[in-house]
Amino acid sequence: MVELIDTEFELENDLNFSQTIPYDISKIESALTLASKDLSNLDPYFTLLAEYEFTKFFSQISSALAMGFNDITSKVEKMREKFKEFPECKTIQQLILKEIELNIHKLNGENNSKFGHKKDKYEKYCSASRTFLRLLWFMEFLIEIFKTILADRKKDNIKKIIGNSYDKILAPRHSWLVRRAVGAAMMFGMSGSKDDAVRIIFCCEKYDSNAKEKIQKITNLLENVWSAANEFYKENDLLKLP
C-alpha cells in the first residue's frame, strides 16, 4: 500500500525544516525523486525540503562556510511563509503566477513604491518570485559542485571544488561585500580531500564506482528540477528580477 503524504501539512511542519536534525542525503534523494514526478507543477514541500537539507552539509565542512549560506535557509523559510499567505497556491509555479497576476513579482521590499505600492498591503512586500530565483542560483551552484566531483580530477579537494563552483555560479551574482564574506569563509577551516567531500555530502566512504553512481543520480534529479524551474522563469521573463 502506497503511503500518501500530506505535503501541505509537512510544508508547515517546522520539524521538517530544522538544523538540529542531522543531515540526511537519502531524504534529499527521496524529495527530489518526488518533486521530479511533475516538473510542470513543482511541489513546494519536496522542492524546498531538498534545498534546506543540502544546506546542512556546509556546517560539516566549515562553520564559517555554514554561516555564509544561512541566507539560503532564511529564503526557504520565506517561501514557506508565502504559501501560508497564498493558501490557494499549491505549487511553486502557481505561487509565482499569482504574484505576476497581482503585479507584485518584482517587489523586493525597497522598490515597492516604484511599482505603485505605497501605503498599501504590499508596501514592504518581498516577492516569492525573487526569493525562489535566488534558490535556483543555489541549485545551480550545487549542480556545479557535484559535476566537479564527477569530473575525476585527482588534484581536486574540498576547497578547490567549492571555491571554483562559487566563482563560476554565484560570485558574478553577488555584491562585492558578499563575495568578500564568502571568500573569507573559504579561507578558514575549509580543508579536506575529494574523498572527504564525497563522504560529507553523499555519505559514501570514498569516491568509487558506487559513489559515482549515487552522485550522478542525485545530480540528475537536481538538474531536472532546476532545468524545469529555470525554463519557467525564462518563459515568464523572470531571470533578471531585482
Protein backbone atom coordinates (compact mmCIF):
# COMPACT_ATOMS: atom_id res chain seq x y z
CA MET A 1 0.00 0.00 0.00
CA VAL A 2 1.42 3.37 -1.01
CA GLU A 3 1.70 5.84 1.87
CA LEU A 4 0.19 9.19 0.94
CA ILE A 5 1.99 12.31 2.15
CA ASP A 6 0.05 15.40 3.19
CA THR A 7 2.56 17.80 1.67
CA GLU A 8 0.68 20.93 2.77
CA PHE A 9 0.87 19.78 6.39
CA GLU A 10 4.51 18.74 6.03
CA LEU A 11 5.45 22.10 4.48
CA GLU A 12 4.10 23.85 7.59
CA ASN A 13 5.74 21.38 9.99
CA ASP A 14 8.81 23.14 11.43
CA LEU A 15 10.38 19.81 12.39
CA ASN A 16 10.98 19.15 8.68
CA PHE A 17 13.00 22.35 8.42
CA SER A 18 15.28 22.19 11.43
CA GLN A 19 19.06 22.48 11.55
CA THR A 20 19.08 20.36 14.73
CA ILE A 21 18.05 17.26 12.76
CA PRO A 22 21.12 15.51 11.25
CA TYR A 23 21.88 15.82 7.54
CA ASP A 24 20.32 13.01 5.52
CA ILE A 25 21.22 12.51 1.86
CA SER A 26 18.55 9.79 1.48
CA LYS A 27 15.90 12.36 2.46
CA ILE A 28 17.21 14.64 -0.31
CA GLU A 29 17.15 11.84 -2.88
CA SER A 30 13.56 10.92 -1.96
CA ALA A 31 12.42 14.57 -2.03
CA LEU A 32 13.99 15.22 -5.44
CA THR A 33 12.54 12.00 -6.83
CA LEU A 34 9.04 13.01 -5.73
CA ALA A 35 9.50 16.61 -6.90
CA SER A 36 10.56 15.29 -10.33
CA LYS A 37 7.30 13.40 -10.84
CA ASP A 38 5.56 16.55 -12.09
CA LEU A 39 8.11 19.16 -13.10
CA SER A 40 5.47 21.49 -14.52
CA ASN A 41 3.85 21.63 -11.07
CA LEU A 42 6.71 21.58 -8.58
CA ASP A 43 5.56 20.55 -5.14
CA PRO A 44 6.82 23.19 -2.68
CA TYR A 45 7.37 20.75 0.17
CA PHE A 46 9.64 18.35 -1.72
CA THR A 47 11.46 21.14 -3.59
CA LEU A 48 12.14 23.31 -0.55
CA LEU A 49 12.93 20.33 1.70
CA ALA A 50 15.73 19.23 -0.64
CA GLU A 51 17.24 22.72 -0.75
CA TYR A 52 17.03 23.13 3.02
CA GLU A 53 18.57 19.73 3.68
CA PHE A 54 21.51 20.46 1.35
CA THR A 55 22.50 23.49 3.46
CA LYS A 56 23.32 21.19 6.38
CA PHE A 57 26.44 19.66 4.85
CA PHE A 58 28.22 23.03 4.81
CA SER A 59 28.42 23.01 8.62
CA GLN A 60 30.30 19.68 8.42
CA ILE A 61 32.87 21.29 6.14
CA SER A 62 33.29 24.62 7.92
CA SER A 63 31.25 26.55 10.48
CA ALA A 64 32.30 29.79 8.77
CA LEU A 65 31.06 28.46 5.43
CA ALA A 66 27.78 27.37 7.03
CA MET A 67 27.25 30.92 8.27
CA GLY A 68 27.87 32.19 4.76
CA PHE A 69 24.94 30.12 3.48
CA ASN A 70 22.50 30.93 6.29
CA ASP A 71 20.79 33.16 3.75
CA ILE A 72 19.57 30.06 1.90
CA THR A 73 17.77 28.67 4.94
CA SER A 74 16.14 32.06 5.52
CA LYS A 75 14.95 32.11 1.90
CA VAL A 76 13.40 28.66 2.31
CA GLU A 77 11.58 29.99 5.39
CA LYS A 78 10.35 33.00 3.41
CA MET A 79 8.96 30.67 0.73
CA ARG A 80 7.15 28.62 3.37
CA GLU A 81 5.58 31.82 4.68
CA LYS A 82 4.43 32.80 1.20
CA PHE A 83 2.50 29.53 0.83
CA LYS A 84 0.72 30.36 4.10
CA GLU A 85 -0.05 33.81 2.72
CA PHE A 86 -1.47 32.36 -0.52
CA PRO A 87 -3.01 29.02 0.55
CA GLU A 88 -4.81 28.67 -2.77
CA CYS A 89 -1.41 28.14 -4.46
CA LYS A 90 -0.36 24.51 -4.36
CA THR A 91 2.80 24.55 -6.50
CA ILE A 92 5.85 26.74 -6.98
CA GLN A 93 4.63 27.78 -10.42
CA GLN A 94 1.13 28.67 -9.16
CA LEU A 95 2.55 30.94 -6.46
CA ILE A 96 4.74 32.82 -8.93
CA LEU A 97 1.95 33.16 -11.48
CA LYS A 98 -0.27 34.53 -8.70
CA GLU A 99 2.33 37.21 -7.97
CA ILE A 100 2.53 38.06 -11.67
CA GLU A 101 -1.27 38.37 -11.76
CA LEU A 102 -1.14 40.79 -8.79
CA ASN A 103 1.86 42.63 -10.29
CA ILE A 104 3.92 42.06 -7.15
CA HIS A 105 6.52 39.67 -8.57
CA LYS A 106 9.19 42.38 -8.91
CA LEU A 107 8.88 43.73 -5.35
CA ASN A 108 11.99 43.43 -3.17
CA GLY A 109 10.97 45.49 -0.16
CA GLU A 110 12.82 48.58 -1.35
CA ASN A 111 11.44 49.23 -4.84
CA ASN A 112 7.77 48.79 -3.95
CA SER A 113 6.72 52.43 -4.30
CA LYS A 114 8.26 52.46 -7.78
CA PHE A 115 5.74 49.80 -8.81
CA GLY A 116 2.78 51.64 -7.28
CA HIS A 117 2.68 50.02 -3.87
CA LYS A 118 2.82 52.87 -1.40
CA LYS A 119 0.91 52.70 1.86
CA ASP A 120 -0.92 49.54 0.86
CA LYS A 121 -0.63 45.89 1.98
CA TYR A 122 2.29 45.31 -0.39
CA GLU A 123 4.25 48.38 0.75
CA LYS A 124 7.05 46.22 2.23
CA TYR A 125 6.38 43.00 0.33
CA CYS A 126 9.29 40.85 -0.86
CA SER A 127 8.20 38.56 -3.66
CA ALA A 128 8.42 34.78 -3.68
CA SER A 129 9.40 35.07 -7.35
CA ARG A 130 12.55 36.95 -6.39
CA THR A 131 13.27 34.67 -3.41
CA PHE A 132 12.93 31.46 -5.39
CA LEU A 133 15.18 32.83 -8.13
CA ARG A 134 17.97 33.00 -5.52
CA LEU A 135 17.20 29.42 -4.54
CA LEU A 136 17.57 28.47 -8.21
CA TRP A 137 21.03 30.03 -8.15
CA PHE A 138 21.84 27.83 -5.14
CA MET A 139 20.63 24.74 -7.01
CA GLU A 140 22.86 25.65 -9.94
CA PHE A 141 25.79 26.09 -7.55
CA LEU A 142 25.18 22.62 -6.07
CA ILE A 143 24.96 21.08 -9.53
CA GLU A 144 28.33 22.62 -10.40
CA ILE A 145 29.85 21.20 -7.19
CA PHE A 146 28.55 17.72 -7.97
CA LYS A 147 29.65 17.82 -11.61
CA THR A 148 33.10 18.94 -10.49
CA ILE A 149 33.30 15.93 -8.19
CA LEU A 150 32.24 13.68 -11.08
CA ALA A 151 34.94 15.15 -13.34
CA ASP A 152 37.54 12.71 -11.90
CA ARG A 153 40.28 15.32 -11.42
CA LYS A 154 42.70 13.75 -8.94
CA LYS A 155 44.06 17.02 -7.57
CA ASP A 156 40.62 18.38 -6.62
CA ASN A 157 39.95 18.96 -2.92
CA ILE A 158 37.06 20.47 -0.96
CA LYS A 159 38.42 23.99 -1.12
CA LYS A 160 39.01 23.85 -4.87
CA ILE A 161 35.70 22.12 -5.65
CA ILE A 162 33.54 24.55 -3.68
CA GLY A 163 35.67 27.61 -4.39
CA ASN A 164 35.71 27.15 -8.15
CA SER A 165 31.98 26.37 -8.20
CA TYR A 166 31.25 29.52 -6.22
CA ASP A 167 33.42 31.64 -8.54
CA LYS A 168 31.64 30.28 -11.60
CA ILE A 169 28.00 30.33 -10.48
CA LEU A 170 27.38 32.63 -7.52
CA ALA A 171 30.19 35.19 -7.44
CA PRO A 172 29.01 37.01 -10.62
CA ARG A 173 25.58 37.42 -8.99
CA HIS A 174 26.79 38.58 -5.59
CA SER A 175 27.81 42.03 -4.41
CA TRP A 176 31.41 42.79 -3.55
CA LEU A 177 30.62 42.60 0.17
CA VAL A 178 29.02 39.16 -0.13
CA ARG A 179 31.90 37.87 -2.28
CA ARG A 180 34.37 39.11 0.30
CA ALA A 181 32.48 37.44 3.16
CA VAL A 182 32.22 34.12 1.32
CA GLY A 183 35.88 34.35 0.32
CA ALA A 184 36.88 34.85 3.94
CA ALA A 185 34.75 31.86 4.99
CA MET A 186 36.51 29.69 2.42
CA MET A 187 39.92 30.77 3.68
CA PHE A 188 39.40 29.41 7.18
CA GLY A 189 38.62 25.87 8.22
CA MET A 190 37.76 24.54 4.78
CA SER A 191 40.10 21.65 4.18
CA GLY A 192 39.88 18.04 3.11
CA SER A 193 40.24 15.80 0.10
CA LYS A 194 37.80 14.90 -2.63
CA ASP A 195 37.03 11.70 -0.72
CA ASP A 196 36.15 13.87 2.29
CA ALA A 197 33.74 15.85 0.14
CA VAL A 198 32.11 12.62 -1.08
CA ARG A 199 31.85 11.29 2.49
CA ILE A 200 30.35 14.52 3.87
CA ILE A 201 27.94 15.33 1.04
CA PHE A 202 26.92 11.90 -0.22
CA CYS A 203 27.67 9.73 2.84
CA CYS A 204 29.95 7.39 0.86
CA GLU A 205 33.24 6.18 2.35
CA LYS A 206 35.25 7.05 -0.76
CA TYR A 207 34.93 8.05 -4.38
CA ASP A 208 34.47 4.71 -6.15
CA SER A 209 32.06 3.36 -8.78
CA ASN A 210 29.21 3.03 -6.28
CA ALA A 211 29.70 6.59 -5.05
CA LYS A 212 29.91 7.86 -8.62
CA GLU A 213 26.59 6.20 -9.48
CA LYS A 214 24.92 7.75 -6.43
CA ILE A 215 26.32 11.21 -7.13
CA GLN A 216 25.24 11.04 -10.77
CA LYS A 217 21.70 10.02 -9.81
CA ILE A 218 21.29 12.89 -7.32
CA THR A 219 22.88 15.35 -9.76
CA ASN A 220 20.44 14.29 -12.50
CA LEU A 221 17.45 14.64 -10.18
CA LEU A 222 18.53 18.09 -9.00
CA GLU A 223 19.27 19.21 -12.55
CA ASN A 224 15.82 18.08 -13.69
CA VAL A 225 14.15 20.24 -11.05
CA TRP A 226 16.45 23.20 -11.71
CA SER A 227 16.00 22.99 -15.51
CA ALA A 228 12.21 22.90 -15.27
CA ALA A 229 12.05 25.85 -12.87
CA ASN A 230 14.67 27.82 -14.77
CA GLU A 231 12.78 27.32 -18.05
CA PHE A 232 9.58 28.50 -16.35
CA TYR A 233 11.42 31.64 -15.20
CA LYS A 234 12.78 32.17 -18.69
CA GLU A 235 9.33 31.81 -20.30
CA ASN A 236 7.92 34.40 -17.87
CA ASP A 237 10.87 36.82 -18.18
CA LEU A 238 11.84 36.44 -14.52
CA LEU A 239 15.54 35.61 -14.69
CA LYS A 240 16.60 39.23 -14.04
CA LEU A 241 14.32 40.16 -11.16
CA PRO A 242 15.80 42.93 -8.97
